[in-house]
Amino acid sequence: MEPLILFLCTGFVSMSAALSAGQLNKLADADKPAFMQSRNGAVMVILAGNLGALTLIGALAYGFRLLEWWIPLSSVFLSFPAISVGITQRLFGDKLNLFIMLPLTLVSIGLLYHFW
């Protein structure tokens, strides 16, 4: 698989999952979805955000290793957050975006491991 395509896909889905989990955690207790009202639901969202952040670090390491240095750096600060917040979170909402991006993040872990 082309390193640029793998980096862009894995980096985007992992950052999107991490940002959605962060936004869900910042909600007031009354505004949180029903599954987050229990302690287990809140812990699962925190774990999903941490998994997304760790996968993003892995994607960045992969990108810095195989691509020019400016591609991962500009992607993590400009492209990934802009597309995630500007498009996917507005289109799906934070909860649905997290549920979409979390399985893709798990697939990204396997792809990064396989193609490393």
N, C-alpha and C. Protein backbone atom coordinates (compact mmCIF):
# COMPACT_ATOMS: atom_id res chain seq x y z
N MET A 1 0.84 -1.17 0.00
CA MET A 1 0.00 0.00 0.00
C MET A 1 0.89 1.24 0.00
N GLU A 2 0.45 2.26 -0.68
CA GLU A 2 1.19 3.52 -0.76
C GLU A 2 1.28 4.16 0.64
N PRO A 3 2.47 4.53 1.09
CA PRO A 3 2.62 5.10 2.44
C PRO A 3 1.81 6.37 2.66
N LEU A 4 1.68 7.22 1.65
CA LEU A 4 0.92 8.45 1.82
C LEU A 4 -0.55 8.16 2.06
N ILE A 5 -1.11 7.24 1.29
CA ILE A 5 -2.53 6.89 1.45
C ILE A 5 -2.77 6.28 2.82
N LEU A 6 -1.90 5.37 3.23
CA LEU A 6 -2.04 4.74 4.53
C LEU A 6 -1.93 5.76 5.65
N PHE A 7 -0.97 6.66 5.56
CA PHE A 7 -0.82 7.68 6.59
C PHE A 7 -2.04 8.58 6.66
N LEU A 8 -2.51 9.05 5.53
CA LEU A 8 -3.65 9.97 5.53
C LEU A 8 -4.92 9.31 6.08
N CYS A 9 -5.17 8.09 5.70
CA CYS A 9 -6.37 7.39 6.17
C CYS A 9 -6.30 7.08 7.66
N THR A 10 -5.19 6.49 8.09
CA THR A 10 -5.08 6.11 9.50
C THR A 10 -4.99 7.34 10.40
N GLY A 11 -4.29 8.35 9.96
CA GLY A 11 -4.19 9.56 10.76
C GLY A 11 -5.52 10.28 10.90
N PHE A 12 -6.26 10.36 9.81
CA PHE A 12 -7.54 11.05 9.85
C PHE A 12 -8.55 10.36 10.76
N VAL A 13 -8.72 9.05 10.59
CA VAL A 13 -9.74 8.36 11.40
C VAL A 13 -9.36 8.36 12.87
N SER A 14 -8.07 8.23 13.18
CA SER A 14 -7.68 8.22 14.58
C SER A 14 -7.83 9.60 15.22
N MET A 15 -7.49 10.67 14.49
CA MET A 15 -7.69 12.00 15.05
C MET A 15 -9.16 12.33 15.18
N SER A 16 -9.96 11.90 14.23
CA SER A 16 -11.39 12.16 14.30
C SER A 16 -12.02 11.45 15.49
N ALA A 17 -11.60 10.22 15.75
CA ALA A 17 -12.11 9.50 16.92
C ALA A 17 -11.68 10.18 18.21
N ALA A 18 -10.44 10.60 18.28
CA ALA A 18 -9.95 11.26 19.49
C ALA A 18 -10.66 12.60 19.73
N LEU A 19 -10.86 13.38 18.68
CA LEU A 19 -11.54 14.66 18.83
C LEU A 19 -13.00 14.50 19.22
N SER A 20 -13.67 13.49 18.66
CA SER A 20 -15.07 13.25 19.02
C SER A 20 -15.20 12.81 20.46
N ALA A 21 -14.29 11.95 20.91
CA ALA A 21 -14.33 11.52 22.30
C ALA A 21 -14.06 12.70 23.23
N GLY A 22 -13.16 13.56 22.85
CA GLY A 22 -12.89 14.75 23.67
C GLY A 22 -14.09 15.67 23.76
N GLN A 23 -14.79 15.85 22.65
CA GLN A 23 -15.98 16.70 22.66
C GLN A 23 -17.09 16.08 23.51
N LEU A 24 -17.25 14.78 23.45
CA LEU A 24 -18.26 14.13 24.27
C LEU A 24 -17.94 14.24 25.75
N ASN A 25 -16.66 14.17 26.10
CA ASN A 25 -16.27 14.30 27.50
C ASN A 25 -16.46 15.71 28.04
N LYS A 26 -16.42 16.70 27.17
CA LYS A 26 -16.55 18.10 27.60
C LYS A 26 -18.00 18.52 27.81
N LEU A 27 -18.94 17.70 27.38
CA LEU A 27 -20.35 18.06 27.55
C LEU A 27 -20.72 18.09 29.03
N ALA A 28 -21.68 18.94 29.35
CA ALA A 28 -22.22 18.95 30.72
C ALA A 28 -22.94 17.64 30.98
N ASP A 29 -23.06 17.27 32.25
CA ASP A 29 -23.66 15.98 32.60
C ASP A 29 -25.09 15.85 32.06
N ALA A 30 -25.83 16.92 32.05
CA ALA A 30 -27.21 16.86 31.56
C ALA A 30 -27.27 16.70 30.04
N ASP A 31 -26.24 17.14 29.34
CA ASP A 31 -26.23 17.08 27.88
C ASP A 31 -25.61 15.82 27.31
N LYS A 32 -24.99 15.01 28.16
CA LYS A 32 -24.32 13.81 27.68
C LYS A 32 -25.33 12.78 27.19
N PRO A 33 -24.97 11.98 26.18
CA PRO A 33 -25.88 10.94 25.70
C PRO A 33 -26.18 9.92 26.79
N ALA A 34 -27.21 9.13 26.58
CA ALA A 34 -27.67 8.18 27.60
C ALA A 34 -26.61 7.15 27.95
N PHE A 35 -25.83 6.69 26.98
CA PHE A 35 -24.84 5.66 27.29
C PHE A 35 -23.70 6.21 28.14
N MET A 36 -23.52 7.52 28.17
CA MET A 36 -22.45 8.11 28.98
C MET A 36 -22.91 8.47 30.39
N GLN A 37 -24.17 8.26 30.70
CA GLN A 37 -24.67 8.58 32.04
C GLN A 37 -24.11 7.61 33.07
N SER A 38 -23.82 6.39 32.66
CA SER A 38 -23.20 5.44 33.59
C SER A 38 -21.69 5.64 33.58
N ARG A 39 -21.06 5.16 34.61
CA ARG A 39 -19.60 5.30 34.72
C ARG A 39 -18.89 4.48 33.64
N ASN A 40 -19.42 3.31 33.32
CA ASN A 40 -18.80 2.47 32.29
C ASN A 40 -18.83 3.13 30.92
N GLY A 41 -19.91 3.81 30.59
CA GLY A 41 -20.00 4.49 29.31
C GLY A 41 -19.00 5.62 29.19
N ALA A 42 -18.84 6.38 30.27
CA ALA A 42 -17.86 7.47 30.26
C ALA A 42 -16.44 6.94 30.14
N VAL A 43 -16.16 5.83 30.81
CA VAL A 43 -14.83 5.23 30.74
C VAL A 43 -14.56 4.69 29.33
N MET A 44 -15.58 4.12 28.70
CA MET A 44 -15.40 3.62 27.34
C MET A 44 -15.10 4.75 26.35
N VAL A 45 -15.72 5.90 26.53
CA VAL A 45 -15.44 7.04 25.66
C VAL A 45 -14.01 7.53 25.89
N ILE A 46 -13.58 7.57 27.12
CA ILE A 46 -12.20 7.97 27.42
C ILE A 46 -11.21 6.98 26.81
N LEU A 47 -11.50 5.69 26.93
CA LEU A 47 -10.63 4.69 26.33
C LEU A 47 -10.60 4.80 24.80
N ALA A 48 -11.74 5.09 24.20
CA ALA A 48 -11.79 5.26 22.74
C ALA A 48 -10.96 6.47 22.32
N GLY A 49 -11.03 7.54 23.09
CA GLY A 49 -10.22 8.71 22.78
C GLY A 49 -8.74 8.45 22.93
N ASN A 50 -8.37 7.73 23.98
CA ASN A 50 -6.96 7.38 24.17
C ASN A 50 -6.46 6.45 23.08
N LEU A 51 -7.29 5.51 22.66
CA LEU A 51 -6.91 4.61 21.57
C LEU A 51 -6.72 5.39 20.27
N GLY A 52 -7.60 6.34 20.03
CA GLY A 52 -7.45 7.18 18.85
C GLY A 52 -6.18 8.01 18.90
N ALA A 53 -5.87 8.56 20.08
CA ALA A 53 -4.66 9.37 20.22
C ALA A 53 -3.39 8.53 20.04
N LEU A 54 -3.38 7.33 20.60
CA LEU A 54 -2.21 6.46 20.43
C LEU A 54 -2.05 6.00 18.99
N THR A 55 -3.14 5.74 18.33
CA THR A 55 -3.07 5.36 16.92
C THR A 55 -2.59 6.54 16.07
N LEU A 56 -2.99 7.74 16.44
CA LEU A 56 -2.50 8.93 15.73
C LEU A 56 -0.99 9.08 15.90
N ILE A 57 -0.49 8.81 17.09
CA ILE A 57 0.96 8.87 17.31
C ILE A 57 1.66 7.82 16.45
N GLY A 58 1.09 6.63 16.36
CA GLY A 58 1.66 5.60 15.50
C GLY A 58 1.64 5.99 14.03
N ALA A 59 0.53 6.61 13.60
CA ALA A 59 0.45 7.06 12.21
C ALA A 59 1.46 8.17 11.94
N LEU A 60 1.65 9.05 12.91
CA LEU A 60 2.66 10.10 12.75
C LEU A 60 4.06 9.53 12.67
N ALA A 61 4.35 8.55 13.50
CA ALA A 61 5.67 7.92 13.44
C ALA A 61 5.88 7.25 12.08
N TYR A 62 4.84 6.59 11.59
CA TYR A 62 4.91 5.97 10.26
C TYR A 62 5.12 7.03 9.18
N GLY A 63 4.39 8.13 9.29
CA GLY A 63 4.51 9.19 8.31
C GLY A 63 5.87 9.86 8.33
N PHE A 64 6.40 10.13 9.52
CA PHE A 64 7.72 10.75 9.61
C PHE A 64 8.82 9.81 9.12
N ARG A 65 8.59 8.52 9.28
CA ARG A 65 9.59 7.54 8.86
C ARG A 65 9.65 7.39 7.34
N LEU A 66 8.49 7.41 6.68
CA LEU A 66 8.45 7.08 5.26
C LEU A 66 8.15 8.26 4.33
N LEU A 67 7.72 9.39 4.88
CA LEU A 67 7.36 10.53 4.04
C LEU A 67 8.26 11.72 4.37
N GLU A 68 8.12 12.76 3.59
CA GLU A 68 8.82 14.00 3.91
C GLU A 68 8.27 14.54 5.23
N TRP A 69 9.09 15.22 6.00
CA TRP A 69 8.72 15.64 7.34
C TRP A 69 7.54 16.60 7.36
N TRP A 70 7.36 17.41 6.33
CA TRP A 70 6.33 18.43 6.35
C TRP A 70 4.93 17.86 6.10
N ILE A 71 4.84 16.69 5.51
CA ILE A 71 3.53 16.11 5.23
C ILE A 71 2.82 15.69 6.52
N PRO A 72 3.45 14.90 7.39
CA PRO A 72 2.76 14.57 8.65
C PRO A 72 2.56 15.77 9.55
N LEU A 73 3.53 16.68 9.56
CA LEU A 73 3.43 17.84 10.44
C LEU A 73 2.27 18.75 10.04
N SER A 74 2.15 19.03 8.77
CA SER A 74 1.04 19.88 8.32
C SER A 74 -0.30 19.17 8.42
N SER A 75 -0.29 17.87 8.23
CA SER A 75 -1.55 17.12 8.33
C SER A 75 -2.10 17.11 9.73
N VAL A 76 -1.24 16.92 10.71
CA VAL A 76 -1.72 16.80 12.08
C VAL A 76 -2.20 18.15 12.64
N PHE A 77 -1.64 19.25 12.15
CA PHE A 77 -2.05 20.55 12.67
C PHE A 77 -3.09 21.25 11.80
N LEU A 78 -3.17 20.92 10.54
CA LEU A 78 -4.08 21.64 9.64
C LEU A 78 -5.16 20.75 9.05
N SER A 79 -4.77 19.76 8.29
CA SER A 79 -5.73 18.99 7.49
C SER A 79 -6.65 18.11 8.33
N PHE A 80 -6.07 17.29 9.20
CA PHE A 80 -6.89 16.35 9.97
C PHE A 80 -7.91 17.06 10.86
N PRO A 81 -7.53 18.06 11.65
CA PRO A 81 -8.55 18.72 12.48
C PRO A 81 -9.59 19.48 11.66
N ALA A 82 -9.15 20.11 10.57
CA ALA A 82 -10.10 20.87 9.76
C ALA A 82 -11.15 19.97 9.14
N ILE A 83 -10.73 18.85 8.60
CA ILE A 83 -11.69 17.93 7.98
C ILE A 83 -12.56 17.27 9.04
N SER A 84 -11.96 16.89 10.16
CA SER A 84 -12.72 16.21 11.20
C SER A 84 -13.78 17.13 11.82
N VAL A 85 -13.36 18.29 12.27
CA VAL A 85 -14.30 19.21 12.92
C VAL A 85 -15.21 19.87 11.89
N GLY A 86 -14.63 20.25 10.77
CA GLY A 86 -15.41 20.99 9.77
C GLY A 86 -16.40 20.15 8.99
N ILE A 87 -16.10 18.89 8.79
CA ILE A 87 -16.98 18.08 7.94
C ILE A 87 -17.62 16.94 8.71
N THR A 88 -16.81 16.01 9.22
CA THR A 88 -17.41 14.79 9.77
C THR A 88 -18.18 15.02 11.06
N GLN A 89 -17.67 15.87 11.96
CA GLN A 89 -18.41 16.09 13.21
C GLN A 89 -19.67 16.90 12.97
N ARG A 90 -19.63 17.81 12.02
CA ARG A 90 -20.86 18.56 11.69
C ARG A 90 -21.85 17.69 10.95
N LEU A 91 -21.36 16.79 10.13
CA LEU A 91 -22.24 15.93 9.35
C LEU A 91 -22.89 14.86 10.21
N PHE A 92 -22.10 14.20 11.05
CA PHE A 92 -22.60 13.07 11.83
C PHE A 92 -22.93 13.42 13.27
N GLY A 93 -22.31 14.42 13.83
CA GLY A 93 -22.43 14.67 15.27
C GLY A 93 -21.32 13.91 15.98
N ASP A 94 -21.06 14.30 17.21
CA ASP A 94 -19.93 13.71 17.93
C ASP A 94 -20.13 12.24 18.25
N LYS A 95 -21.32 11.88 18.68
CA LYS A 95 -21.57 10.49 19.08
C LYS A 95 -21.48 9.53 17.89
N LEU A 96 -22.17 9.85 16.82
CA LEU A 96 -22.16 8.98 15.65
C LEU A 96 -20.77 8.95 15.01
N ASN A 97 -20.09 10.09 15.00
CA ASN A 97 -18.74 10.13 14.44
C ASN A 97 -17.80 9.23 15.23
N LEU A 98 -17.94 9.22 16.56
CA LEU A 98 -17.10 8.32 17.36
C LEU A 98 -17.41 6.86 17.05
N PHE A 99 -18.69 6.53 16.91
CA PHE A 99 -19.05 5.15 16.62
C PHE A 99 -18.65 4.72 15.21
N ILE A 100 -18.53 5.66 14.29
CA ILE A 100 -18.06 5.33 12.94
C ILE A 100 -16.55 5.19 12.92
N MET A 101 -15.86 6.13 13.57
CA MET A 101 -14.40 6.18 13.48
C MET A 101 -13.69 5.17 14.37
N LEU A 102 -14.33 4.72 15.45
CA LEU A 102 -13.66 3.77 16.34
C LEU A 102 -13.35 2.44 15.66
N PRO A 103 -14.29 1.80 14.95
CA PRO A 103 -13.91 0.57 14.23
C PRO A 103 -12.85 0.81 13.16
N LEU A 104 -12.93 1.97 12.50
CA LEU A 104 -11.91 2.29 11.50
C LEU A 104 -10.54 2.51 12.14
N THR A 105 -10.54 3.02 13.36
CA THR A 105 -9.28 3.17 14.10
C THR A 105 -8.69 1.81 14.44
N LEU A 106 -9.54 0.87 14.81
CA LEU A 106 -9.05 -0.48 15.10
C LEU A 106 -8.47 -1.13 13.84
N VAL A 107 -9.11 -0.91 12.70
CA VAL A 107 -8.57 -1.42 11.44
C VAL A 107 -7.25 -0.73 11.13
N SER A 108 -7.15 0.55 11.44
CA SER A 108 -5.92 1.31 11.19
C SER A 108 -4.75 0.76 11.98
N ILE A 109 -5.01 0.31 13.20
CA ILE A 109 -3.94 -0.28 14.01
C ILE A 109 -3.37 -1.50 13.30
N GLY A 110 -4.24 -2.35 12.80
CA GLY A 110 -3.79 -3.54 12.09
C GLY A 110 -3.05 -3.20 10.81
N LEU A 111 -3.53 -2.22 10.07
CA LEU A 111 -2.86 -1.82 8.83
C LEU A 111 -1.49 -1.22 9.10
N LEU A 112 -1.39 -0.38 10.12
CA LEU A 112 -0.09 0.20 10.46
C LEU A 112 0.90 -0.90 10.88
N TYR A 113 0.41 -1.85 11.65
CA TYR A 113 1.29 -2.95 12.08
C TYR A 113 1.73 -3.79 10.88
N HIS A 114 0.80 -4.05 9.98
CA HIS A 114 1.10 -4.91 8.82
C HIS A 114 2.09 -4.25 7.85
N PHE A 115 1.89 -2.97 7.57
CA PHE A 115 2.71 -2.31 6.56
C PHE A 115 3.93 -1.60 7.12
N TRP A 116 4.12 -1.64 8.43
CA TRP A 116 5.29 -1.00 9.01
C TRP A 116 6.50 -1.73 8.53
